[in-house]
């Protein structure tokens, strides 16, 4: 009985579903193959779902925190965004306290990102397109200390990159007025109340009406073309 004939017979048995004709060795080989395949699939799934080894966070203030969140959520490499308050000293600030304009807090967004997929400089490029960098008393129709734009840097390197990015924008010719957005040292960030998080998803109609009514969308189109 030749090996070629034996191999042909095994193939016929497998095609016919007659597993009983397979030898114990064949069964063991199939079992080991299936087991290794499952291990590979499990490892691939774990690698896909696990967070990157290194992540960073940064905080920007850009007026209404509802309005600057969508652009960062869409950016590849951004892992998480949280709107909240930064710049003040009172512990556990609330929306009512910050809105009273009696603190130094500003409506802000904290961005957690993978620096291997998106750089701090690229985040700044997104940020500039969400605000009016020439306005010092707030943003668009939202006027008051809590709506003032600011970049909160967390290191000397971030400060340097932010200053370079601001200078680049100032020399771009995009704006006739001076770029007045502040670059400030990072302070403790407090997440805002839950109903503010992803407001554009929770209340899409109200969000769209406010975004257009504030003048933000028309400003973006005028200066950057289609909304970023």
N, C-alpha and C. Protein backbone atom coordinates (compact mmCIF):
# COMPACT_ATOMS: atom_id res chain seq x y z
N UNK A 1 0.86 -1.19 0.00
CA UNK A 1 0.00 0.00 0.00
C UNK A 1 0.90 1.25 0.00
N UNK A 2 0.83 2.05 -1.02
CA UNK A 2 1.72 3.21 -1.14
C UNK A 2 1.24 4.37 -0.26
N UNK A 3 2.21 5.26 0.05
CA UNK A 3 1.88 6.44 0.85
C UNK A 3 0.90 7.35 0.11
N UNK A 4 1.08 7.41 -1.24
CA UNK A 4 0.17 8.26 -2.01
C UNK A 4 -1.26 7.74 -1.91
N UNK A 5 -1.42 6.41 -1.94
CA UNK A 5 -2.76 5.83 -1.83
C UNK A 5 -3.34 6.10 -0.45
N UNK A 6 -2.49 5.99 0.61
CA UNK A 6 -2.96 6.26 1.97
C UNK A 6 -3.43 7.71 2.12
N UNK A 7 -2.63 8.61 1.55
CA UNK A 7 -3.00 10.03 1.64
C UNK A 7 -4.32 10.29 0.92
N UNK A 8 -4.48 9.63 -0.25
CA UNK A 8 -5.71 9.80 -1.01
C UNK A 8 -6.91 9.29 -0.23
N UNK A 9 -6.74 8.15 0.45
CA UNK A 9 -7.84 7.57 1.24
C UNK A 9 -8.21 8.50 2.40
N UNK A 10 -7.21 9.07 3.07
CA UNK A 10 -7.50 9.98 4.18
C UNK A 10 -8.29 11.19 3.69
N UNK A 11 -7.88 11.73 2.55
CA UNK A 11 -8.59 12.88 1.98
C UNK A 11 -10.03 12.54 1.68
N UNK A 12 -10.27 11.34 1.17
CA UNK A 12 -11.65 10.92 0.88
C UNK A 12 -12.45 10.79 2.16
N UNK A 13 -11.82 10.24 3.20
CA UNK A 13 -12.53 10.08 4.48
C UNK A 13 -12.92 11.44 5.05
N UNK A 14 -11.98 12.42 4.95
CA UNK A 14 -12.28 13.75 5.50
C UNK A 14 -13.42 14.40 4.73
N UNK A 15 -13.38 14.29 3.40
CA UNK A 15 -14.43 14.89 2.57
C UNK A 15 -15.77 14.24 2.84
N UNK A 16 -15.79 12.97 3.11
CA UNK A 16 -17.05 12.25 3.35
C UNK A 16 -17.52 12.40 4.79
N UNK A 17 -16.73 13.06 5.63
CA UNK A 17 -17.14 13.25 7.03
C UNK A 17 -16.93 12.02 7.88
N UNK A 18 -16.14 11.05 7.42
CA UNK A 18 -15.95 9.81 8.19
C UNK A 18 -14.73 9.98 9.08
N UNK A 19 -14.87 10.74 10.15
CA UNK A 19 -13.76 11.01 11.04
C UNK A 19 -13.25 9.78 11.75
N UNK A 20 -14.07 8.75 11.84
CA UNK A 20 -13.65 7.53 12.55
C UNK A 20 -12.49 6.86 11.85
N UNK A 21 -12.32 7.09 10.54
CA UNK A 21 -11.26 6.45 9.80
C UNK A 21 -9.92 7.14 9.98
N UNK A 22 -9.96 8.33 10.57
CA UNK A 22 -8.71 9.02 10.80
C UNK A 22 -7.94 8.33 11.92
N UNK A 23 -6.65 8.34 11.80
CA UNK A 23 -5.82 7.72 12.84
C UNK A 23 -5.75 8.63 14.05
N UNK A 24 -5.29 8.11 15.16
CA UNK A 24 -5.13 8.91 16.38
C UNK A 24 -4.14 10.05 16.15
N UNK A 25 -3.14 9.79 15.34
CA UNK A 25 -2.15 10.82 15.05
C UNK A 25 -2.79 11.97 14.29
N UNK A 26 -3.64 11.62 13.32
CA UNK A 26 -4.33 12.67 12.55
C UNK A 26 -5.23 13.51 13.46
N UNK A 27 -5.92 12.86 14.37
CA UNK A 27 -6.81 13.57 15.29
C UNK A 27 -6.02 14.52 16.19
N UNK A 28 -4.87 14.05 16.66
CA UNK A 28 -4.03 14.87 17.53
C UNK A 28 -3.51 16.09 16.77
N UNK A 29 -3.13 15.87 15.52
CA UNK A 29 -2.64 16.98 14.72
C UNK A 29 -3.73 18.03 14.49
N UNK A 30 -4.93 17.58 14.21
CA UNK A 30 -6.04 18.51 14.03
C UNK A 30 -6.35 19.27 15.31
N UNK A 31 -6.29 18.56 16.44
CA UNK A 31 -6.56 19.20 17.73
C UNK A 31 -5.51 20.27 18.03
N UNK A 32 -4.23 19.94 17.80
CA UNK A 32 -3.17 20.90 18.06
C UNK A 32 -3.28 22.11 17.15
N UNK A 33 -3.65 21.88 15.90
CA UNK A 33 -3.81 22.99 14.96
C UNK A 33 -4.94 23.92 15.40
N UNK A 34 -6.07 23.32 15.80
CA UNK A 34 -7.21 24.12 16.25
C UNK A 34 -6.87 24.91 17.51
N UNK A 35 -6.14 24.27 18.41
CA UNK A 35 -5.76 24.92 19.67
C UNK A 35 -4.84 26.11 19.41
N UNK A 36 -3.84 25.91 18.55
CA UNK A 36 -2.92 27.00 18.23
C UNK A 36 -3.64 28.14 17.51
N UNK A 37 -4.60 27.80 16.66
CA UNK A 37 -5.37 28.82 15.95
C UNK A 37 -6.17 29.68 16.93
N UNK A 38 -6.78 29.02 17.92
CA UNK A 38 -7.54 29.75 18.93
C UNK A 38 -6.64 30.67 19.75
N UNK A 39 -5.44 30.19 20.09
CA UNK A 39 -4.49 31.02 20.84
C UNK A 39 -4.10 32.26 20.04
N UNK A 40 -3.85 32.09 18.74
CA UNK A 40 -3.48 33.20 17.89
C UNK A 40 -4.60 34.23 17.78
N UNK A 41 -5.84 33.74 17.64
CA UNK A 41 -6.98 34.65 17.54
C UNK A 41 -7.19 35.41 18.83
N UNK A 42 -7.02 34.74 19.96
CA UNK A 42 -7.18 35.39 21.26
C UNK A 42 -6.11 36.46 21.47
N UNK A 43 -4.88 36.15 21.08
CA UNK A 43 -3.79 37.11 21.23
C UNK A 43 -4.02 38.33 20.35
N UNK A 44 -4.51 38.11 19.14
CA UNK A 44 -4.78 39.23 18.22
C UNK A 44 -5.88 40.13 18.76
N UNK A 45 -6.93 39.51 19.32
CA UNK A 45 -8.04 40.29 19.88
C UNK A 45 -7.57 41.10 21.08
N UNK A 46 -6.73 40.51 21.92
CA UNK A 46 -6.24 41.22 23.10
C UNK A 46 -5.36 42.39 22.70
N UNK A 47 -4.52 42.19 21.69
CA UNK A 47 -3.64 43.26 21.22
C UNK A 47 -4.44 44.42 20.64
N UNK A 48 -5.54 44.08 19.96
CA UNK A 48 -6.38 45.12 19.34
C UNK A 48 -7.12 45.93 20.38
N UNK A 49 -7.55 45.30 21.47
CA UNK A 49 -8.36 45.97 22.47
C UNK A 49 -7.54 46.64 23.56
N UNK A 50 -6.29 46.25 23.72
CA UNK A 50 -5.47 46.80 24.79
C UNK A 50 -5.01 48.21 24.44
N UNK A 51 -4.91 49.10 25.44
CA UNK A 51 -4.47 50.46 25.18
C UNK A 51 -2.99 50.50 24.82
N UNK A 52 -2.56 51.55 24.13
CA UNK A 52 -1.14 51.65 23.79
C UNK A 52 -0.28 51.74 25.03
N UNK A 53 0.99 51.38 24.89
CA UNK A 53 1.89 51.36 26.04
C UNK A 53 2.08 52.76 26.62
N UNK A 54 2.07 53.78 25.78
CA UNK A 54 2.28 55.15 26.24
C UNK A 54 1.13 56.04 25.78
N UNK A 55 0.53 56.76 26.72
CA UNK A 55 -0.50 57.74 26.37
C UNK A 55 -0.14 59.06 27.05
N UNK A 56 -0.67 60.14 26.49
CA UNK A 56 -0.45 61.46 27.06
C UNK A 56 -1.77 62.19 27.16
N UNK A 57 -1.80 63.21 27.99
CA UNK A 57 -3.00 64.04 28.12
C UNK A 57 -2.61 65.51 27.98
N UNK A 58 -3.52 66.29 27.47
CA UNK A 58 -3.32 67.73 27.38
C UNK A 58 -4.66 68.41 27.56
N UNK A 59 -4.63 69.70 27.88
CA UNK A 59 -5.87 70.44 28.15
C UNK A 59 -5.87 71.73 27.35
N UNK A 60 -6.99 71.97 26.66
CA UNK A 60 -7.20 73.21 25.93
C UNK A 60 -8.49 73.86 26.42
N UNK A 61 -8.51 75.19 26.46
CA UNK A 61 -9.74 75.94 26.70
C UNK A 61 -10.09 76.65 25.40
N UNK A 62 -11.34 76.54 24.99
CA UNK A 62 -11.72 77.12 23.70
C UNK A 62 -13.14 77.63 23.67
N UNK A 63 -13.56 78.29 24.74
CA UNK A 63 -14.94 78.74 24.79
C UNK A 63 -15.85 77.59 25.17
N UNK A 64 -17.04 77.55 24.61
CA UNK A 64 -18.01 76.49 24.92
C UNK A 64 -17.38 75.12 24.73
N UNK A 65 -17.28 74.37 25.82
CA UNK A 65 -16.60 73.06 25.70
C UNK A 65 -17.42 72.04 24.92
N UNK A 66 -18.71 72.26 24.79
CA UNK A 66 -19.51 71.36 23.94
C UNK A 66 -19.00 71.39 22.50
N UNK A 67 -18.65 72.61 22.05
CA UNK A 67 -18.39 72.82 20.63
C UNK A 67 -17.02 72.35 20.17
N UNK A 68 -16.05 72.27 21.07
CA UNK A 68 -14.72 71.87 20.63
C UNK A 68 -14.48 70.37 20.78
N UNK A 69 -15.42 69.66 21.37
CA UNK A 69 -15.22 68.23 21.60
C UNK A 69 -15.33 67.37 20.33
N UNK A 70 -16.29 67.59 19.44
CA UNK A 70 -16.45 66.69 18.29
C UNK A 70 -15.21 66.55 17.42
N UNK A 71 -14.52 67.64 17.14
CA UNK A 71 -13.35 67.58 16.26
C UNK A 71 -12.26 66.69 16.83
N UNK A 72 -12.06 66.74 18.13
CA UNK A 72 -11.03 65.90 18.75
C UNK A 72 -11.48 64.45 18.84
N UNK A 73 -12.76 64.24 19.05
CA UNK A 73 -13.27 62.86 19.08
C UNK A 73 -13.05 62.16 17.75
N UNK A 74 -13.08 62.91 16.67
CA UNK A 74 -12.95 62.32 15.33
C UNK A 74 -11.49 62.10 14.93
N UNK A 75 -10.56 62.69 15.64
CA UNK A 75 -9.16 62.65 15.23
C UNK A 75 -8.53 61.29 15.51
N UNK A 76 -7.95 60.64 14.50
CA UNK A 76 -7.26 59.36 14.72
C UNK A 76 -6.11 59.54 15.71
N UNK A 77 -6.05 58.67 16.68
CA UNK A 77 -5.00 58.77 17.70
C UNK A 77 -5.50 59.35 19.01
N UNK A 78 -6.65 60.03 18.98
CA UNK A 78 -7.26 60.52 20.21
C UNK A 78 -8.05 59.37 20.84
N UNK A 79 -7.73 59.05 22.07
CA UNK A 79 -8.33 57.90 22.74
C UNK A 79 -9.56 58.27 23.58
N UNK A 80 -9.53 59.49 24.13
CA UNK A 80 -10.63 59.89 25.02
C UNK A 80 -10.63 61.40 25.16
N UNK A 81 -11.81 61.98 25.25
CA UNK A 81 -11.94 63.40 25.56
C UNK A 81 -12.91 63.58 26.71
N UNK A 82 -12.62 64.54 27.56
CA UNK A 82 -13.49 64.86 28.70
C UNK A 82 -13.59 66.36 28.82
N UNK A 83 -14.80 66.90 28.86
CA UNK A 83 -14.94 68.34 29.05
C UNK A 83 -14.99 68.64 30.54
N UNK A 84 -14.50 69.82 30.88
CA UNK A 84 -14.45 70.17 32.30
C UNK A 84 -13.93 71.57 32.52
N UNK A 85 -13.27 71.76 33.68
CA UNK A 85 -12.86 73.09 34.10
C UNK A 85 -11.38 73.09 34.48
N UNK A 86 -10.67 74.14 34.07
CA UNK A 86 -9.25 74.25 34.37
C UNK A 86 -8.88 75.72 34.53
N UNK A 87 -7.88 75.99 35.35
CA UNK A 87 -7.39 77.36 35.50
C UNK A 87 -7.69 78.01 36.83
N UNK A 88 -8.59 77.43 37.62
CA UNK A 88 -8.96 78.00 38.90
C UNK A 88 -8.35 77.25 40.06
N UNK A 89 -8.67 77.71 41.27
CA UNK A 89 -8.11 77.10 42.47
C UNK A 89 -9.16 76.52 43.41
N UNK A 90 -10.41 76.94 43.28
CA UNK A 90 -11.46 76.39 44.15
C UNK A 90 -11.62 74.90 43.88
N UNK A 91 -11.71 74.08 44.94
CA UNK A 91 -11.85 72.62 44.73
C UNK A 91 -13.24 72.24 44.23
N UNK A 92 -13.26 71.23 43.39
CA UNK A 92 -14.52 70.65 42.89
C UNK A 92 -15.48 71.69 42.33
N UNK A 93 -15.07 72.42 41.31
CA UNK A 93 -15.95 73.44 40.73
C UNK A 93 -17.15 72.82 40.03
N UNK A 94 -18.23 73.56 40.01
CA UNK A 94 -19.45 73.14 39.32
C UNK A 94 -19.71 74.09 38.15
N UNK A 95 -20.63 73.69 37.29
CA UNK A 95 -20.98 74.52 36.13
C UNK A 95 -21.53 75.87 36.60
N UNK A 96 -22.32 75.83 37.65
CA UNK A 96 -22.91 77.07 38.17
C UNK A 96 -21.83 78.00 38.72
N UNK A 97 -20.86 77.42 39.44
CA UNK A 97 -19.79 78.24 40.01
C UNK A 97 -18.93 78.86 38.90
N UNK A 98 -18.55 78.05 37.95
CA UNK A 98 -17.71 78.55 36.86
C UNK A 98 -18.47 79.59 36.04
N UNK A 99 -19.75 79.33 35.80
CA UNK A 99 -20.58 80.25 35.02
C UNK A 99 -20.86 81.57 35.72
N UNK A 100 -20.63 81.61 37.01
CA UNK A 100 -20.85 82.86 37.75
C UNK A 100 -19.77 83.90 37.41
N UNK A 101 -18.71 83.46 36.75
CA UNK A 101 -17.58 84.31 36.35
C UNK A 101 -16.87 84.94 37.55
N UNK A 102 -16.93 84.25 38.69
CA UNK A 102 -16.26 84.73 39.90
C UNK A 102 -15.00 83.91 40.20
N UNK A 103 -14.64 83.02 39.28
CA UNK A 103 -13.44 82.20 39.47
C UNK A 103 -12.54 82.38 38.24
N UNK A 104 -11.38 81.78 38.30
CA UNK A 104 -10.48 81.81 37.14
C UNK A 104 -10.62 80.56 36.28
N UNK A 105 -11.61 79.75 36.56
CA UNK A 105 -11.80 78.54 35.76
C UNK A 105 -12.27 78.89 34.35
N UNK A 106 -11.87 78.05 33.42
CA UNK A 106 -12.32 78.18 32.04
C UNK A 106 -12.90 76.85 31.58
N UNK A 107 -13.94 76.92 30.77
CA UNK A 107 -14.46 75.69 30.17
C UNK A 107 -13.35 75.10 29.29
N UNK A 108 -13.04 73.83 29.52
CA UNK A 108 -11.87 73.22 28.88
C UNK A 108 -12.17 71.80 28.43
N UNK A 109 -11.22 71.24 27.72
CA UNK A 109 -11.31 69.85 27.30
C UNK A 109 -9.98 69.16 27.58
N UNK A 110 -10.07 68.01 28.20
CA UNK A 110 -8.88 67.18 28.44
C UNK A 110 -8.84 66.08 27.38
N UNK A 111 -7.71 65.97 26.71
CA UNK A 111 -7.56 65.02 25.61
C UNK A 111 -6.52 63.97 25.97
N UNK A 112 -6.91 62.72 25.91
CA UNK A 112 -5.98 61.62 26.09
C UNK A 112 -5.69 61.04 24.72
N UNK A 113 -4.40 60.94 24.39
CA UNK A 113 -4.05 60.54 23.03
C UNK A 113 -2.84 59.62 22.99
N UNK A 114 -2.69 58.97 21.85
CA UNK A 114 -1.56 58.09 21.59
C UNK A 114 -0.54 58.88 20.78
N UNK A 115 0.59 59.28 21.38
CA UNK A 115 1.57 60.09 20.66
C UNK A 115 2.21 59.38 19.48
N UNK A 116 2.03 58.06 19.41
CA UNK A 116 2.54 57.32 18.26
C UNK A 116 1.66 57.48 17.04
N UNK A 117 0.43 57.98 17.24
CA UNK A 117 -0.52 58.13 16.13
C UNK A 117 -0.88 59.59 15.85
N UNK A 118 -0.76 60.43 16.85
CA UNK A 118 -1.04 61.85 16.65
C UNK A 118 -0.12 62.65 17.57
N UNK A 119 0.45 63.70 17.05
CA UNK A 119 1.41 64.48 17.83
C UNK A 119 0.72 65.65 18.53
N UNK A 120 1.42 66.23 19.49
CA UNK A 120 0.91 67.40 20.19
C UNK A 120 0.72 68.56 19.21
N UNK A 121 1.64 68.69 18.28
CA UNK A 121 1.54 69.73 17.26
C UNK A 121 0.29 69.55 16.40
N UNK A 122 -0.04 68.31 16.07
CA UNK A 122 -1.26 68.05 15.28
C UNK A 122 -2.51 68.37 16.07
N UNK A 123 -2.48 68.12 17.37
CA UNK A 123 -3.61 68.49 18.23
C UNK A 123 -3.79 70.01 18.24
N UNK A 124 -2.69 70.72 18.27
CA UNK A 124 -2.76 72.18 18.23
C UNK A 124 -3.35 72.66 16.90
N UNK A 125 -3.00 72.01 15.82
CA UNK A 125 -3.56 72.37 14.52
C UNK A 125 -5.08 72.22 14.52
N UNK A 126 -5.57 71.16 15.17
CA UNK A 126 -7.02 70.97 15.28
C UNK A 126 -7.62 72.06 16.17
N UNK A 127 -6.94 72.34 17.26
CA UNK A 127 -7.42 73.34 18.23
C UNK A 127 -7.61 74.71 17.60
N UNK A 128 -6.63 75.18 16.84
CA UNK A 128 -6.73 76.51 16.25
C UNK A 128 -7.95 76.65 15.36
N UNK A 129 -8.35 75.57 14.74
CA UNK A 129 -9.49 75.62 13.81
C UNK A 129 -10.85 75.60 14.53
N UNK A 130 -10.83 75.40 15.86
CA UNK A 130 -12.08 75.37 16.62
C UNK A 130 -12.39 76.71 17.28
N UNK A 131 -11.43 77.63 17.29
CA UNK A 131 -11.60 78.86 18.06
C UNK A 131 -11.36 80.09 17.19
N UNK A 132 -11.65 81.26 17.77
CA UNK A 132 -11.23 82.53 17.20
C UNK A 132 -10.01 82.98 18.01
N UNK A 133 -8.81 82.78 17.50
CA UNK A 133 -7.61 83.08 18.28
C UNK A 133 -7.33 84.57 18.45
N UNK A 134 -8.17 85.41 17.82
CA UNK A 134 -7.98 86.86 17.95
C UNK A 134 -8.91 87.45 19.01
N UNK A 135 -9.75 86.65 19.62
CA UNK A 135 -10.72 87.15 20.60
C UNK A 135 -10.20 86.90 22.02
N UNK A 136 -10.15 87.94 22.82
CA UNK A 136 -9.57 87.83 24.17
C UNK A 136 -10.60 87.78 25.29
N UNK A 137 -11.84 88.19 25.02
CA UNK A 137 -12.83 88.28 26.10
C UNK A 137 -13.77 87.08 26.16
N UNK A 138 -13.51 86.05 25.38
CA UNK A 138 -14.36 84.86 25.35
C UNK A 138 -14.22 84.21 23.98
N UNK A 139 -15.29 83.57 23.55
CA UNK A 139 -15.30 82.96 22.22
C UNK A 139 -16.66 83.14 21.59
N UNK A 140 -16.65 83.89 20.48
CA UNK A 140 -17.87 84.13 19.72
C UNK A 140 -18.90 84.83 20.60
N UNK A 141 -20.12 84.34 20.69
CA UNK A 141 -21.12 85.03 21.50
C UNK A 141 -21.00 84.72 22.99
N UNK A 142 -20.14 83.76 23.34
CA UNK A 142 -19.91 83.44 24.75
C UNK A 142 -18.80 84.35 25.28
N UNK A 143 -19.20 85.36 26.03
CA UNK A 143 -18.24 86.34 26.53
C UNK A 143 -18.16 86.24 28.05
N UNK A 144 -16.94 86.27 28.55
CA UNK A 144 -16.71 86.18 29.99
C UNK A 144 -15.43 85.42 30.27
N UNK A 145 -14.89 85.56 31.47
CA UNK A 145 -13.62 84.90 31.81
C UNK A 145 -13.62 83.38 31.60
N UNK A 146 -14.75 82.74 31.84
CA UNK A 146 -14.78 81.28 31.74
C UNK A 146 -14.75 80.78 30.30
N UNK A 147 -14.91 81.71 29.35
CA UNK A 147 -14.92 81.31 27.93
C UNK A 147 -13.63 81.72 27.20
N UNK A 148 -12.66 82.25 27.93
CA UNK A 148 -11.42 82.67 27.29
C UNK A 148 -10.61 81.45 26.84
N UNK A 149 -10.03 81.56 25.66
CA UNK A 149 -9.24 80.47 25.11
C UNK A 149 -7.86 80.41 25.76
N UNK A 150 -7.33 79.20 25.90
CA UNK A 150 -5.99 79.02 26.47
C UNK A 150 -5.47 77.63 26.16
N UNK A 151 -4.16 77.55 26.03
CA UNK A 151 -3.47 76.27 25.90
C UNK A 151 -2.76 76.03 27.22
N UNK A 152 -3.09 74.95 27.90
CA UNK A 152 -2.46 74.62 29.18
C UNK A 152 -1.34 73.60 28.92
N UNK A 153 -0.10 74.06 28.99
CA UNK A 153 1.02 73.16 28.71
C UNK A 153 1.45 72.40 29.97
N UNK A 154 1.89 71.17 29.76
CA UNK A 154 2.28 70.33 30.90
C UNK A 154 3.77 70.14 31.05
N UNK A 155 4.56 70.71 30.13
CA UNK A 155 6.01 70.57 30.19
C UNK A 155 6.65 71.70 29.40
N UNK A 156 7.95 71.88 29.59
CA UNK A 156 8.67 72.91 28.83
C UNK A 156 8.61 72.62 27.34
N UNK A 157 8.65 71.34 26.99
CA UNK A 157 8.59 70.96 25.58
C UNK A 157 7.24 71.34 24.97
N UNK A 158 6.15 71.08 25.71
CA UNK A 158 4.82 71.45 25.21
C UNK A 158 4.71 72.97 25.08
N UNK A 159 5.28 73.69 26.04
CA UNK A 159 5.25 75.16 25.98
C UNK A 159 5.95 75.66 24.71
N UNK A 160 7.09 75.07 24.43
CA UNK A 160 7.86 75.46 23.24
C UNK A 160 7.09 75.16 21.96
N UNK A 161 6.49 73.97 21.89
CA UNK A 161 5.72 73.59 20.71
C UNK A 161 4.51 74.51 20.54
N UNK A 162 3.83 74.82 21.66
CA UNK A 162 2.65 75.69 21.61
C UNK A 162 3.02 77.09 21.14
N UNK A 163 4.12 77.62 21.65
CA UNK A 163 4.56 78.97 21.26
C UNK A 163 4.94 79.00 19.78
N UNK A 164 5.61 77.95 19.32
CA UNK A 164 5.98 77.88 17.91
C UNK A 164 4.75 77.79 17.02
N UNK A 165 3.77 76.99 17.46
CA UNK A 165 2.52 76.84 16.70
C UNK A 165 1.76 78.16 16.64
N UNK A 166 1.73 78.87 17.75
CA UNK A 166 1.04 80.17 17.80
C UNK A 166 1.73 81.18 16.88
N UNK A 167 3.06 81.19 16.89
CA UNK A 167 3.82 82.10 16.03
C UNK A 167 3.61 81.76 14.55
N UNK A 168 3.55 80.47 14.27
CA UNK A 168 3.31 80.02 12.89
C UNK A 168 1.96 80.52 12.40
N UNK A 169 0.93 80.42 13.26
CA UNK A 169 -0.40 80.90 12.90
C UNK A 169 -0.39 82.41 12.69
N UNK A 170 0.34 83.12 13.55
CA UNK A 170 0.39 84.58 13.45
C UNK A 170 1.00 85.04 12.13
N UNK A 171 1.92 84.25 11.60
CA UNK A 171 2.59 84.62 10.35
C UNK A 171 1.96 83.96 9.11
N UNK A 172 0.85 83.28 9.34
CA UNK A 172 0.21 82.55 8.22
C UNK A 172 -0.60 83.46 7.32
N UNK A 173 -0.97 84.64 7.82
CA UNK A 173 -1.80 85.55 7.05
C UNK A 173 -3.29 85.23 7.14
N UNK A 174 -3.64 84.25 7.97
CA UNK A 174 -5.05 83.87 8.11
C UNK A 174 -5.87 84.97 8.77
N UNK A 175 -5.24 85.69 9.70
CA UNK A 175 -5.98 86.68 10.48
C UNK A 175 -5.26 88.02 10.44
N UNK A 176 -6.04 89.07 10.34
CA UNK A 176 -5.49 90.43 10.31
C UNK A 176 -5.20 90.93 11.72
N UNK A 177 -5.96 90.44 12.69
CA UNK A 177 -5.76 90.86 14.07
C UNK A 177 -4.69 89.98 14.75
N UNK A 178 -4.12 90.45 15.84
CA UNK A 178 -3.11 89.67 16.57
C UNK A 178 -3.71 88.39 17.15
N UNK A 179 -2.88 87.36 17.29
CA UNK A 179 -3.27 86.11 17.93
C UNK A 179 -3.08 86.29 19.43
N UNK A 180 -4.17 86.24 20.17
CA UNK A 180 -4.11 86.58 21.61
C UNK A 180 -4.35 85.38 22.53
N UNK A 181 -4.52 84.20 21.98
CA UNK A 181 -4.77 83.00 22.81
C UNK A 181 -3.61 82.82 23.78
N UNK A 182 -3.94 82.63 25.06
CA UNK A 182 -2.92 82.50 26.09
C UNK A 182 -2.32 81.10 26.13
N UNK A 183 -1.06 81.04 26.53
CA UNK A 183 -0.37 79.78 26.76
C UNK A 183 0.03 79.76 28.23
N UNK A 184 -0.60 78.88 29.00
CA UNK A 184 -0.49 78.91 30.46
C UNK A 184 -0.03 77.56 31.01
N UNK A 185 0.63 77.58 32.18
CA UNK A 185 1.02 76.30 32.80
C UNK A 185 -0.21 75.50 33.22
N UNK A 186 -0.11 74.21 33.09
CA UNK A 186 -1.25 73.33 33.42
C UNK A 186 -1.61 73.43 34.90
N UNK A 187 -2.90 73.33 35.15
CA UNK A 187 -3.42 73.28 36.52
C UNK A 187 -4.34 72.06 36.62
N UNK A 188 -4.84 71.81 37.80
CA UNK A 188 -5.70 70.65 37.99
C UNK A 188 -6.96 70.77 37.14
N UNK A 189 -7.27 69.69 36.45
CA UNK A 189 -8.45 69.63 35.60
C UNK A 189 -9.56 68.88 36.33
N UNK A 190 -10.77 69.47 36.32
CA UNK A 190 -11.93 68.82 36.94
C UNK A 190 -12.95 68.48 35.85
N UNK A 191 -13.34 67.23 35.72
CA UNK A 191 -14.38 66.89 34.73
C UNK A 191 -15.69 67.59 35.05
N UNK A 192 -16.39 68.01 34.02
CA UNK A 192 -17.71 68.63 34.20
C UNK A 192 -18.76 67.58 34.49
N UNK A 193 -19.94 68.04 34.84
CA UNK A 193 -21.06 67.15 35.13
C UNK A 193 -21.36 66.26 33.92
N UNK A 194 -21.94 65.11 34.19
CA UNK A 194 -22.14 64.10 33.16
C UNK A 194 -22.98 64.61 31.99
N UNK A 195 -23.94 65.47 32.26
CA UNK A 195 -24.83 65.89 31.17
C UNK A 195 -24.11 66.80 30.16
N UNK A 196 -22.90 67.24 30.50
CA UNK A 196 -22.11 68.04 29.56
C UNK A 196 -21.24 67.16 28.65
N UNK A 197 -20.98 65.94 29.07
CA UNK A 197 -20.09 65.07 28.30
C UNK A 197 -20.77 64.62 26.99
N UNK A 198 -20.06 64.76 25.91
CA UNK A 198 -20.58 64.38 24.58
C UNK A 198 -21.96 65.01 24.35
N UNK A 199 -22.08 66.28 24.67
CA UNK A 199 -23.38 66.95 24.53
C UNK A 199 -23.87 66.88 23.09
N UNK A 200 -22.96 66.93 22.15
CA UNK A 200 -23.35 66.90 20.74
C UNK A 200 -23.98 65.57 20.35
N UNK A 201 -23.72 64.52 21.12
CA UNK A 201 -24.35 63.23 20.88
C UNK A 201 -25.65 63.10 21.68
N UNK A 202 -25.66 63.63 22.88
CA UNK A 202 -26.85 63.53 23.73
C UNK A 202 -27.99 64.42 23.23
N UNK A 203 -27.63 65.60 22.72
CA UNK A 203 -28.65 66.57 22.28
C UNK A 203 -28.25 67.17 20.93
N UNK A 204 -28.29 66.36 19.88
CA UNK A 204 -27.77 66.83 18.57
C UNK A 204 -28.48 68.05 18.01
N UNK A 205 -29.78 68.14 18.16
CA UNK A 205 -30.51 69.28 17.58
C UNK A 205 -30.17 70.57 18.31
N UNK A 206 -30.19 70.51 19.65
CA UNK A 206 -29.85 71.71 20.43
C UNK A 206 -28.41 72.13 20.18
N UNK A 207 -27.54 71.13 20.08
CA UNK A 207 -26.13 71.42 19.85
C UNK A 207 -25.93 72.13 18.51
N UNK A 208 -26.54 71.61 17.47
CA UNK A 208 -26.38 72.20 16.14
C UNK A 208 -26.91 73.63 16.10
N UNK A 209 -28.06 73.85 16.75
CA UNK A 209 -28.65 75.19 16.77
C UNK A 209 -27.73 76.17 17.50
N UNK A 210 -27.18 75.72 18.61
CA UNK A 210 -26.28 76.60 19.37
C UNK A 210 -24.99 76.87 18.61
N UNK A 211 -24.43 75.83 18.01
CA UNK A 211 -23.16 75.96 17.30
C UNK A 211 -23.28 76.95 16.14
N UNK A 212 -24.38 76.88 15.40
CA UNK A 212 -24.59 77.80 14.29
C UNK A 212 -24.96 79.19 14.80
N UNK A 213 -25.80 79.22 15.83
CA UNK A 213 -26.25 80.51 16.37
C UNK A 213 -25.13 81.32 16.99
N UNK A 214 -24.11 80.65 17.50
CA UNK A 214 -23.01 81.35 18.16
C UNK A 214 -22.09 82.05 17.17
N UNK A 215 -22.17 81.65 15.90
CA UNK A 215 -21.28 82.22 14.90
C UNK A 215 -20.01 81.43 14.70
N UNK A 216 -19.84 80.35 15.43
CA UNK A 216 -18.63 79.55 15.34
C UNK A 216 -18.50 78.89 13.96
N UNK A 217 -19.60 78.31 13.47
CA UNK A 217 -19.55 77.59 12.20
C UNK A 217 -19.24 78.53 11.04
N UNK A 218 -19.89 79.68 10.99
CA UNK A 218 -19.64 80.63 9.91
C UNK A 218 -18.21 81.16 9.96
N UNK A 219 -17.68 81.33 11.16
CA UNK A 219 -16.30 81.79 11.31
C UNK A 219 -15.32 80.73 10.78
N UNK A 220 -15.60 79.47 11.09
CA UNK A 220 -14.74 78.39 10.62
C UNK A 220 -14.75 78.30 9.09
N UNK A 221 -15.92 78.39 8.52
CA UNK A 221 -16.03 78.32 7.06
C UNK A 221 -15.32 79.48 6.39
N UNK A 222 -15.44 80.65 6.96
CA UNK A 222 -14.81 81.84 6.40
C UNK A 222 -13.29 81.74 6.42
N UNK A 223 -12.75 81.21 7.51
CA UNK A 223 -11.30 81.21 7.68
C UNK A 223 -10.61 79.92 7.31
N UNK A 224 -11.38 78.81 7.35
CA UNK A 224 -10.75 77.51 7.10
C UNK A 224 -11.43 76.70 6.02
N UNK A 225 -12.45 77.27 5.39
CA UNK A 225 -13.19 76.50 4.40
C UNK A 225 -14.23 75.64 5.08
N UNK A 226 -14.41 74.43 4.58
CA UNK A 226 -15.38 73.51 5.20
C UNK A 226 -14.99 73.28 6.64
N UNK A 227 -16.01 73.10 7.47
CA UNK A 227 -15.77 72.94 8.91
C UNK A 227 -14.85 71.76 9.17
N UNK A 228 -13.76 71.94 9.93
CA UNK A 228 -12.82 70.86 10.23
C UNK A 228 -13.45 69.77 11.08
